Amino acid sequence: MFEAFFIAGLRLPAHRFVAEVLQRYDVQIHQLTPNAVVALAKYVWAVTSYGGQPSIEVFAKNYCLNRKTSLISRIVESFT
């Protein structure tokens, strides 16, 4: 975790919505980039500050997950 996250008040365990997103995209928290964590935090903050409940369907329509693989992984995949 980054020190700035703790200063901003972001702590683990995160909002239950984060667990839903991780499950939906079939990823683990350590696979997220710092920008992805910020995007999740901004979405949860924006929705809850207006009294709403974060929705995985709405989030999934506005955000996508791009799988980044290393060059070695791509070379191995090309041979299989």
Protein backbone atom coordinates (compact mmCIF):
# COMPACT_ATOMS: atom_id res chain seq x y z
CA MET A 1 0.00 0.00 0.00
CA PHE A 2 1.07 3.55 -0.62
CA GLU A 3 1.50 6.02 2.23
CA ALA A 4 -0.75 8.52 0.44
CA PHE A 5 -3.64 6.02 0.61
CA PHE A 6 -3.38 5.87 4.39
CA ILE A 7 -3.15 9.65 4.66
CA ALA A 8 -6.31 9.94 2.55
CA GLY A 9 -8.11 7.49 4.86
CA LEU A 10 -8.09 4.44 2.59
CA ARG A 11 -7.59 1.33 4.64
CA LEU A 12 -8.13 -2.39 4.37
CA PRO A 13 -10.58 -3.99 4.68
CA ALA A 14 -11.98 -1.87 1.93
CA HIS A 15 -15.63 -1.21 1.17
CA ARG A 16 -17.59 -4.42 0.46
CA PHE A 17 -18.07 -3.12 -3.08
CA VAL A 18 -14.36 -3.64 -3.74
CA ALA A 19 -14.78 -7.35 -3.01
CA GLU A 20 -17.67 -7.49 -5.50
CA VAL A 21 -15.54 -5.83 -8.20
CA LEU A 22 -12.63 -8.19 -7.58
CA GLN A 23 -14.99 -11.14 -7.83
CA ARG A 24 -16.68 -9.81 -10.99
CA TYR A 25 -13.38 -9.29 -12.81
CA ASP A 26 -11.75 -12.39 -11.26
CA VAL A 27 -8.71 -10.52 -9.93
CA GLN A 28 -7.05 -10.10 -6.56
CA ILE A 29 -6.32 -6.81 -4.82
CA HIS A 30 -2.56 -7.03 -5.45
CA GLN A 31 -3.19 -7.21 -9.20
CA LEU A 32 -4.74 -3.75 -9.28
CA THR A 33 -2.67 -0.76 -10.27
CA PRO A 34 -2.67 2.34 -8.07
CA ASN A 35 -4.86 4.07 -10.66
CA ALA A 36 -7.41 1.26 -10.45
CA VAL A 37 -7.53 1.58 -6.67
CA VAL A 38 -8.09 5.32 -7.02
CA ALA A 39 -10.86 4.75 -9.59
CA LEU A 40 -12.62 2.35 -7.21
CA ALA A 41 -12.25 4.77 -4.32
CA LYS A 42 -13.56 7.71 -6.34
CA TYR A 43 -16.57 5.74 -7.53
CA VAL A 44 -17.46 4.55 -4.03
CA TRP A 45 -16.93 8.05 -2.61
CA ALA A 46 -19.04 9.74 -5.29
CA VAL A 47 -21.97 7.35 -4.98
CA THR A 48 -22.00 7.16 -1.18
CA SER A 49 -21.58 10.92 -0.74
CA TYR A 50 -24.92 11.36 -2.53
CA GLY A 51 -26.56 8.68 -0.38
CA GLY A 52 -26.48 5.89 -2.94
CA GLN A 53 -25.19 2.35 -2.88
CA PRO A 54 -22.40 1.41 -5.30
CA SER A 55 -23.63 -0.90 -8.05
CA ILE A 56 -21.40 -3.42 -9.76
CA GLU A 57 -23.51 -3.17 -12.93
CA VAL A 58 -23.08 0.61 -13.18
CA PHE A 59 -19.38 0.36 -12.39
CA ALA A 60 -18.87 -2.37 -15.01
CA LYS A 61 -20.56 -0.23 -17.68
CA ASN A 62 -18.20 2.68 -17.03
CA TYR A 63 -14.92 0.89 -16.33
CA CYS A 64 -13.12 -1.94 -18.05
CA LEU A 65 -10.28 -4.18 -17.01
CA ASN A 66 -7.35 -4.52 -19.37
CA ARG A 67 -5.16 -7.50 -18.69
CA LYS A 68 -1.50 -6.64 -19.03
CA THR A 69 0.86 -9.50 -19.66
CA SER A 70 4.60 -9.48 -19.74
CA LEU A 71 6.57 -10.11 -22.89
CA ILE A 72 7.68 -13.48 -21.51
CA SER A 73 4.07 -14.53 -20.90
CA ARG A 74 3.11 -13.61 -24.46
CA ILE A 75 6.03 -15.58 -25.89
CA VAL A 76 5.11 -18.64 -23.81
CA GLU A 77 1.44 -18.33 -24.85
CA SER A 78 2.43 -18.16 -28.53
CA PHE A 79 4.16 -21.55 -28.25
CA THR A 80 1.25 -23.28 -26.54
